Amino acid sequence: MDDKLWFTLFLLAKKGATKQPIKISSTKFCEELNVSQQTASRRLQELEKLGYITREIKRQGQLIKITRKGEDLLKELYYGLKTIFEEKPTIIRLEGEVFTGLGEGRFYLSLEPYKNQILEKLGFVPYPGTLNLKLRNKTDLEIRKMLKSFSGIKISGFKNNLRTYGDATCYPVIINNKISGAIIFAQRTHYGDDVLEVIAPVCLREVLNLNDGDIVVLTIDIRQFAKY
């Protein structure tokens, strides 16, 4: 997103627009942004079009609320800044509850371009399927967002005669202190932010004797991402 839009969204957040709709005077807001009234209005329109804010036009001004999408964008920036200005944790842990997913991982991880890249960049051929974990508390959800602020290991998408396949990003982990694997964030997914998909060279359900409802611990050494 354009840097000027970032700042506009940041200013709205400072005014409390993440918590409740706030009333904005066009005249005063353009002064705070140090731009013309037309430019300030255009930025708000662009943020609304991108889905980062909602607007309700009133006679005395506009009621503006930052959406969940806009809040997530600001949090992504926040975690990115934390990694620059604060001491980084060396080890982070996530806990998730096993559940049966949609089964799409089996198809995608069977595709040679994905398999070859995972072997080259992560050092293993992935078992054709993901272990799906549901995050259970706010702390783990925040850690997930922090993890995504790191660059990770990029798995590039590709095209074939049938369709285009999207990019993905991987983060190496240790599963239950026993097996090396990776969290994989697909560019296109049907899951929400409370779900993690984990890949490994083996069937994790079988090797770790996992059933739906079991808790799995993922350990991540943050220092490894400095080299990617």
C-alpha atoms as a PDB file:
ATOM      1  CA  MET A   1       0.000   0.000   0.000  1.00  0.00           C
ATOM      2  CA  ASP A   2       1.106   3.558  -0.674  1.00  0.00           C
ATOM      3  CA  ASP A   3       3.017   5.107   2.253  1.00  0.00           C
ATOM      4  CA  LYS A   4       0.622   8.056   2.363  1.00  0.00           C
ATOM      5  CA  LEU A   5      -2.310   5.674   2.858  1.00  0.00           C
ATOM      6  CA  TRP A   6      -0.381   3.928   5.637  1.00  0.00           C
ATOM      7  CA  PHE A   7      -0.006   7.256   7.459  1.00  0.00           C
ATOM      8  CA  THR A   8      -3.674   8.130   6.963  1.00  0.00           C
ATOM      9  CA  LEU A   9      -4.743   4.784   8.420  1.00  0.00           C
ATOM     10  CA  PHE A  10      -2.288   5.256  11.295  1.00  0.00           C
ATOM     11  CA  LEU A  11      -3.709   8.700  12.075  1.00  0.00           C
ATOM     12  CA  LEU A  12      -7.254   7.295  12.113  1.00  0.00           C
ATOM     13  CA  ALA A  13      -6.112   4.556  14.501  1.00  0.00           C
ATOM     14  CA  LYS A  14      -4.543   7.152  16.819  1.00  0.00           C
ATOM     15  CA  LYS A  15      -7.919   8.869  16.936  1.00  0.00           C
ATOM     16  CA  GLY A  16      -9.563   5.646  18.143  1.00  0.00           C
ATOM     17  CA  ALA A  17     -11.088   4.365  14.898  1.00  0.00           C
ATOM     18  CA  THR A  18     -10.111   0.759  15.688  1.00  0.00           C
ATOM     19  CA  LYS A  19     -12.414   0.804  18.720  1.00  0.00           C
ATOM     20  CA  GLN A  20     -15.475   2.648  17.469  1.00  0.00           C
ATOM     21  CA  PRO A  21     -16.667   4.882  14.613  1.00  0.00           C
ATOM     22  CA  ILE A  22     -15.164   8.356  14.925  1.00  0.00           C
ATOM     23  CA  LYS A  23     -16.437  11.619  13.505  1.00  0.00           C
ATOM     24  CA  ILE A  24     -14.025  13.292  11.082  1.00  0.00           C
ATOM     25  CA  SER A  25     -14.203  16.909   9.961  1.00  0.00           C
ATOM     26  CA  SER A  26     -12.789  17.171   6.440  1.00  0.00           C
ATOM     27  CA  THR A  27     -11.324  20.616   7.131  1.00  0.00           C
ATOM     28  CA  LYS A  28      -9.556  19.621  10.339  1.00  0.00           C
ATOM     29  CA  PHE A  29      -8.435  16.219   9.061  1.00  0.00           C
ATOM     30  CA  CYS A  30      -6.730  17.670   5.980  1.00  0.00           C
ATOM     31  CA  GLU A  31      -4.819  20.058   8.259  1.00  0.00           C
ATOM     32  CA  GLU A  32      -3.620  17.136  10.382  1.00  0.00           C
ATOM     33  CA  LEU A  33      -2.459  15.322   7.234  1.00  0.00           C
ATOM     34  CA  ASN A  34      -0.953  18.558   5.880  1.00  0.00           C
ATOM     35  CA  VAL A  35      -2.654  18.065   2.513  1.00  0.00           C
ATOM     36  CA  SER A  36      -5.523  19.650   0.619  1.00  0.00           C
ATOM     37  CA  GLN A  37      -9.108  18.764   1.457  1.00  0.00           C
ATOM     38  CA  GLN A  38      -9.450  17.022  -1.920  1.00  0.00           C
ATOM     39  CA  THR A  39      -6.357  14.892  -1.255  1.00  0.00           C
ATOM     40  CA  ALA A  40      -7.546  13.921   2.235  1.00  0.00           C
ATOM     41  CA  SER A  41     -10.952  12.956   0.811  1.00  0.00           C
ATOM     42  CA  ARG A  42      -9.308  10.908  -1.946  1.00  0.00           C
ATOM     43  CA  ARG A  43      -7.195   8.975   0.580  1.00  0.00           C
ATOM     44  CA  LEU A  44     -10.263   8.110   2.628  1.00  0.00           C
ATOM     45  CA  GLN A  45     -12.044   6.947  -0.499  1.00  0.00           C
ATOM     46  CA  GLU A  46      -9.077   4.753  -1.439  1.00  0.00           C
ATOM     47  CA  LEU A  47      -8.912   3.218   2.047  1.00  0.00           C
ATOM     48  CA  GLU A  48     -12.628   2.470   1.854  1.00  0.00           C
ATOM     49  CA  LYS A  49     -12.268   0.947  -1.618  1.00  0.00           C
ATOM     50  CA  LEU A  50      -9.445  -1.290  -0.357  1.00  0.00           C
ATOM     51  CA  GLY A  51     -11.621  -2.458   2.536  1.00  0.00           C
ATOM     52  CA  TYR A  52      -9.524  -0.927   5.336  1.00  0.00           C
ATOM     53  CA  ILE A  53     -12.203   1.463   6.618  1.00  0.00           C
ATOM     54  CA  THR A  54     -15.942   1.971   6.485  1.00  0.00           C
ATOM     55  CA  ARG A  55     -17.435   5.443   6.002  1.00  0.00           C
ATOM     56  CA  GLU A  56     -20.830   6.920   6.739  1.00  0.00           C
ATOM     57  CA  ILE A  57     -21.428  10.424   5.424  1.00  0.00           C
ATOM     58  CA  LYS A  58     -23.226  12.739   7.869  1.00  0.00           C
ATOM     59  CA  ARG A  59     -24.230  16.383   7.615  1.00  0.00           C
ATOM     60  CA  GLN A  60     -21.609  17.384  10.202  1.00  0.00           C
ATOM     61  CA  GLY A  61     -18.873  15.175   8.764  1.00  0.00           C
ATOM     62  CA  GLN A  62     -17.999  11.513   8.270  1.00  0.00           C
ATOM     63  CA  LEU A  63     -18.187   8.550  10.639  1.00  0.00           C
ATOM     64  CA  ILE A  64     -15.168   6.337  10.016  1.00  0.00           C
ATOM     65  CA  LYS A  65     -14.324   2.927  11.471  1.00  0.00           C
ATOM     66  CA  ILE A  66     -11.226   0.856  10.752  1.00  0.00           C
ATOM     67  CA  THR A  67     -12.220  -2.631   9.628  1.00  0.00           C
ATOM     68  CA  ARG A  68     -10.750  -5.935  10.773  1.00  0.00           C
ATOM     69  CA  LYS A  69      -8.701  -5.961   7.564  1.00  0.00           C
ATOM     70  CA  GLY A  70      -7.327  -2.510   8.351  1.00  0.00           C
ATOM     71  CA  GLU A  71      -6.557  -3.484  11.933  1.00  0.00           C
ATOM     72  CA  ASP A  72      -4.690  -6.584  10.777  1.00  0.00           C
ATOM     73  CA  LEU A  73      -2.634  -4.428   8.420  1.00  0.00           C
ATOM     74  CA  LEU A  74      -1.672  -2.087  11.252  1.00  0.00           C
ATOM     75  CA  LYS A  75      -0.757  -5.034  13.482  1.00  0.00           C
ATOM     76  CA  GLU A  76       1.443  -6.432  10.731  1.00  0.00           C
ATOM     77  CA  LEU A  77       3.295  -3.119  10.645  1.00  0.00           C
ATOM     78  CA  TYR A  78       3.481  -3.096  14.448  1.00  0.00           C
ATOM     79  CA  TYR A  79       5.077  -6.534  14.633  1.00  0.00           C
ATOM     80  CA  GLY A  80       7.468  -5.620  11.857  1.00  0.00           C
ATOM     81  CA  LEU A  81       8.611  -2.565  13.811  1.00  0.00           C
ATOM     82  CA  LYS A  82       8.960  -4.646  16.977  1.00  0.00           C
ATOM     83  CA  THR A  83      11.430  -6.924  15.231  1.00  0.00           C
ATOM     84  CA  ILE A  84      13.529  -3.866  14.329  1.00  0.00           C
ATOM     85  CA  PHE A  85      13.473  -1.857  17.555  1.00  0.00           C
ATOM     86  CA  GLU A  86      12.985  -4.449  20.288  1.00  0.00           C
ATOM     87  CA  GLU A  87      15.082  -7.387  21.340  1.00  0.00           C
ATOM     88  CA  LYS A  88      13.868 -10.389  19.375  1.00  0.00           C
ATOM     89  CA  PRO A  89      12.822 -13.570  21.125  1.00  0.00           C
ATOM     90  CA  THR A  90      15.001 -16.461  20.022  1.00  0.00           C
ATOM     91  CA  ILE A  91      12.377 -19.171  20.528  1.00  0.00           C
ATOM     92  CA  ILE A  92       8.600 -18.912  20.219  1.00  0.00           C
ATOM     93  CA  ARG A  93       5.999 -21.610  20.758  1.00  0.00           C
ATOM     94  CA  LEU A  94       2.498 -22.097  19.439  1.00  0.00           C
ATOM     95  CA  GLU A  95      -0.148 -24.566  20.544  1.00  0.00           C
ATOM     96  CA  GLY A  96      -2.954 -25.764  18.329  1.00  0.00           C
ATOM     97  CA  GLU A  97      -5.765 -28.290  18.431  1.00  0.00           C
ATOM     98  CA  VAL A  98      -5.809 -30.942  15.715  1.00  0.00           C
ATOM     99  CA  PHE A  99      -8.840 -30.949  13.453  1.00  0.00           C
ATOM    100  CA  THR A 100      -9.786 -32.548  10.151  1.00  0.00           C
ATOM    101  CA  GLY A 101      -9.384 -30.034   7.326  1.00  0.00           C
ATOM    102  CA  LEU A 102     -10.748 -29.756   3.815  1.00  0.00           C
ATOM    103  CA  GLY A 103      -8.170 -32.120   2.326  1.00  0.00           C
ATOM    104  CA  GLU A 104      -6.779 -29.597  -0.157  1.00  0.00           C
ATOM    105  CA  GLY A 105      -3.217 -29.979   1.144  1.00  0.00           C
ATOM    106  CA  ARG A 106      -2.999 -33.495  -0.252  1.00  0.00           C
ATOM    107  CA  PHE A 107      -3.586 -32.225  -3.767  1.00  0.00           C
ATOM    108  CA  TYR A 108      -1.282 -29.211  -3.653  1.00  0.00           C
ATOM    109  CA  LEU A 109       1.605 -30.990  -1.942  1.00  0.00           C
ATOM    110  CA  SER A 110       1.482 -33.680  -4.624  1.00  0.00           C
ATOM    111  CA  LEU A 111       2.307 -31.138  -7.339  1.00  0.00           C
ATOM    112  CA  GLU A 112       5.926 -31.454  -8.501  1.00  0.00           C
ATOM    113  CA  PRO A 113       6.776 -27.700  -8.609  1.00  0.00           C
ATOM    114  CA  TYR A 114       5.766 -27.325  -4.949  1.00  0.00           C
ATOM    115  CA  LYS A 115       7.428 -30.594  -3.884  1.00  0.00           C
ATOM    116  CA  ASN A 116      10.688 -29.703  -5.639  1.00  0.00           C
ATOM    117  CA  GLN A 117      10.881 -26.255  -4.062  1.00  0.00           C
ATOM    118  CA  ILE A 118      10.154 -27.586  -0.583  1.00  0.00           C
ATOM    119  CA  LEU A 119      12.878 -30.202  -1.002  1.00  0.00           C
ATOM    120  CA  GLU A 120      15.353 -27.594  -2.231  1.00  0.00           C
ATOM    121  CA  LYS A 121      14.563 -24.918   0.358  1.00  0.00           C
ATOM    122  CA  LEU A 122      13.467 -26.939   3.402  1.00  0.00           C
ATOM    123  CA  GLY A 123      15.401 -30.157   2.866  1.00  0.00           C
ATOM    124  CA  PHE A 124      12.568 -32.674   2.773  1.00  0.00           C
ATOM    125  CA  VAL A 125       9.926 -34.048   0.433  1.00  0.00           C
ATOM    126  CA  PRO A 126       6.574 -33.184   2.031  1.00  0.00           C
ATOM    127  CA  TYR A 127       4.081 -35.873   2.934  1.00  0.00           C
ATOM    128  CA  PRO A 128       1.043 -35.200   0.685  1.00  0.00           C
ATOM    129  CA  GLY A 129      -1.189 -33.578   3.257  1.00  0.00           C
ATOM    130  CA  THR A 130      -1.111 -30.964   6.002  1.00  0.00           C
ATOM    131  CA  LEU A 131      -1.726 -31.250   9.729  1.00  0.00           C
ATOM    132  CA  ASN A 132      -4.405 -28.677  10.540  1.00  0.00           C
ATOM    133  CA  LEU A 133      -4.275 -26.907  13.884  1.00  0.00           C
ATOM    134  CA  LYS A 134      -6.823 -24.543  15.410  1.00  0.00           C
ATOM    135  CA  LEU A 135      -5.296 -21.852  17.633  1.00  0.00           C
ATOM    136  CA  ARG A 136      -7.119 -21.686  20.941  1.00  0.00           C
ATOM    137  CA  ASN A 137      -6.239 -18.383  22.599  1.00  0.00           C
ATOM    138  CA  LYS A 138      -5.458 -14.752  21.902  1.00  0.00           C
ATOM    139  CA  THR A 139      -1.759 -15.115  22.717  1.00  0.00           C
ATOM    140  CA  ASP A 140      -1.241 -17.750  20.029  1.00  0.00           C
ATOM    141  CA  LEU A 141      -3.192 -15.638  17.529  1.00  0.00           C
ATOM    142  CA  GLU A 142      -0.891 -12.691  18.250  1.00  0.00           C
ATOM    143  CA  ILE A 143       2.203 -14.893  17.916  1.00  0.00           C
ATOM    144  CA  ARG A 144       0.907 -16.102  14.534  1.00  0.00           C
ATOM    145  CA  LYS A 145       0.657 -12.499  13.364  1.00  0.00           C
ATOM    146  CA  MET A 146       4.156 -11.781  14.639  1.00  0.00           C
ATOM    147  CA  LEU A 147       5.482 -14.834  12.795  1.00  0.00           C
ATOM    148  CA  LYS A 148       4.003 -13.599   9.521  1.00  0.00           C
ATOM    149  CA  SER A 149       5.930 -10.342   9.918  1.00  0.00           C
ATOM    150  CA  PHE A 150       9.130 -12.330   9.296  1.00  0.00           C
ATOM    151  CA  SER A 151      10.045 -12.940   5.682  1.00  0.00           C
ATOM    152  CA  GLY A 152      10.101 -16.747   5.945  1.00  0.00           C
ATOM    153  CA  ILE A 153      10.965 -19.069   3.060  1.00  0.00           C
ATOM    154  CA  LYS A 154       9.158 -18.278  -0.164  1.00  0.00           C
ATOM    155  CA  ILE A 155       7.606 -21.045  -2.269  1.00  0.00           C
ATOM    156  CA  SER A 156       6.785 -19.608  -5.676  1.00  0.00           C
ATOM    157  CA  GLY A 157       3.545 -20.231  -7.507  1.00  0.00           C
ATOM    158  CA  PHE A 158       3.404 -21.497 -11.074  1.00  0.00           C
ATOM    159  CA  LYS A 159       1.144 -22.084 -14.066  1.00  0.00           C
ATOM    160  CA  ASN A 160       0.223 -25.204 -15.997  1.00  0.00           C
ATOM    161  CA  ASN A 161      -2.309 -25.983 -18.698  1.00  0.00           C
ATOM    162  CA  LEU A 162      -5.146 -26.048 -16.196  1.00  0.00           C
ATOM    163  CA  ARG A 163      -4.678 -23.010 -13.941  1.00  0.00           C
ATOM    164  CA  THR A 164      -2.414 -20.710 -11.946  1.00  0.00           C
ATOM    165  CA  TYR A 165      -1.183 -21.802  -8.509  1.00  0.00           C
ATOM    166  CA  GLY A 166      -0.371 -19.229  -5.814  1.00  0.00           C
ATOM    167  CA  ASP A 167       2.697 -18.504  -3.727  1.00  0.00           C
ATOM    168  CA  ALA A 168       3.249 -19.763  -0.198  1.00  0.00           C
ATOM    169  CA  THR A 169       5.569 -18.935   2.698  1.00  0.00           C
ATOM    170  CA  CYS A 170       7.100 -21.521   5.035  1.00  0.00           C
ATOM    171  CA  TYR A 171       8.461 -21.254   8.572  1.00  0.00           C
ATOM    172  CA  PRO A 172      10.501 -24.237   9.821  1.00  0.00           C
ATOM    173  CA  VAL A 173       9.304 -25.671  13.148  1.00  0.00           C
ATOM    174  CA  ILE A 174       9.805 -28.604  15.484  1.00  0.00           C
ATOM    175  CA  ILE A 175       6.563 -30.498  16.082  1.00  0.00           C
ATOM    176  CA  ASN A 176       6.044 -31.837  19.630  1.00  0.00           C
ATOM    177  CA  ASN A 177       9.837 -31.641  20.164  1.00  0.00           C
ATOM    178  CA  LYS A 178      10.249 -34.646  17.853  1.00  0.00           C
ATOM    179  CA  ILE A 179       9.815 -33.957  14.143  1.00  0.00           C
ATOM    180  CA  SER A 180      11.143 -31.192  11.910  1.00  0.00           C
ATOM    181  CA  GLY A 181       8.588 -29.644   9.578  1.00  0.00           C
ATOM    182  CA  ALA A 182       7.193 -26.239   8.670  1.00  0.00           C
ATOM    183  CA  ILE A 183       4.167 -24.029   9.004  1.00  0.00           C
ATOM    184  CA  ILE A 184       2.964 -23.158   5.519  1.00  0.00           C
ATOM    185  CA  PHE A 185       0.927 -20.044   4.768  1.00  0.00           C
ATOM    186  CA  ALA A 186      -0.720 -20.354   1.370  1.00  0.00           C
ATOM    187  CA  GLN A 187      -1.492 -17.176  -0.527  1.00  0.00           C
ATOM    188  CA  ARG A 188      -4.903 -18.640  -1.320  1.00  0.00           C
ATOM    189  CA  THR A 189      -6.626 -20.418   1.531  1.00  0.00           C
ATOM    190  CA  HIS A 190     -10.129 -21.109   2.794  1.00  0.00           C
ATOM    191  CA  TYR A 191      -8.994 -21.018   6.431  1.00  0.00           C
ATOM    192  CA  GLY A 192      -9.128 -18.065   8.816  1.00  0.00           C
ATOM    193  CA  ASP A 193      -6.385 -16.525  10.947  1.00  0.00           C
ATOM    194  CA  ASP A 194      -7.017 -19.036  13.742  1.00  0.00           C
ATOM    195  CA  VAL A 195      -5.735 -21.982  11.663  1.00  0.00           C
ATOM    196  CA  LEU A 196      -2.206 -23.227  10.990  1.00  0.00           C
ATOM    197  CA  GLU A 197      -1.267 -25.776   8.344  1.00  0.00           C
ATOM    198  CA  VAL A 198       1.842 -27.833   9.075  1.00  0.00           C
ATOM    199  CA  ILE A 199       3.879 -29.899   6.627  1.00  0.00           C
ATOM    200  CA  ALA A 200       6.488 -32.560   7.360  1.00  0.00           C
ATOM    201  CA  PRO A 201       8.288 -35.432   5.607  1.00  0.00           C
ATOM    202  CA  VAL A 202       5.987 -37.927   7.357  1.00  0.00           C
ATOM    203  CA  CYS A 203       2.296 -38.332   8.141  1.00  0.00           C
ATOM    204  CA  LEU A 204       2.196 -36.493  11.474  1.00  0.00           C
ATOM    205  CA  ARG A 205      -1.112 -38.020  12.544  1.00  0.00           C
ATOM    206  CA  GLU A 206       0.333 -41.520  12.254  1.00  0.00           C
ATOM    207  CA  VAL A 207       3.842 -40.937  13.583  1.00  0.00           C
ATOM    208  CA  LEU A 208       2.687 -38.858  16.567  1.00  0.00           C
ATOM    209  CA  ASN A 209      -0.521 -40.870  17.042  1.00  0.00           C
ATOM    210  CA  LEU A 210      -2.707 -37.760  16.793  1.00  0.00           C
ATOM    211  CA  ASN A 211      -6.483 -37.525  16.738  1.00  0.00           C
ATOM    212  CA  ASP A 212      -8.870 -34.604  16.385  1.00  0.00           C
ATOM    213  CA  GLY A 213      -8.834 -32.586  19.601  1.00  0.00           C
ATOM    214  CA  ASP A 214      -5.222 -33.425  20.541  1.00  0.00           C
ATOM    215  CA  ILE A 215      -2.898 -30.514  21.311  1.00  0.00           C
ATOM    216  CA  VAL A 216       0.271 -30.053  19.277  1.00  0.00           C
ATOM    217  CA  VAL A 217       3.171 -27.779  20.253  1.00  0.00           C
ATOM    218  CA  LEU A 218       5.204 -26.037  17.556  1.00  0.00           C
ATOM    219  CA  THR A 219       8.641 -24.655  18.454  1.00  0.00           C
ATOM    220  CA  ILE A 220      10.190 -22.012  16.193  1.00  0.00           C
ATOM    221  CA  ASP A 221      13.742 -20.657  16.355  1.00  0.00           C
ATOM    222  CA  ILE A 222      13.366 -17.062  15.148  1.00  0.00           C
ATOM    223  CA  ARG A 223      17.102 -16.638  14.541  1.00  0.00           C
ATOM    224  CA  GLN A 224      16.937 -18.810  11.436  1.00  0.00           C
ATOM    225  CA  PHE A 225      14.913 -16.258   9.491  1.00  0.00           C
ATOM    226  CA  ALA A 226      17.750 -13.734   9.456  1.00  0.00           C
ATOM    227  CA  LYS A 227      19.350 -15.606   6.587  1.00  0.00           C
ATOM    228  CA  TYR A 228      16.319 -15.653   4.289  1.00  0.00           C
END
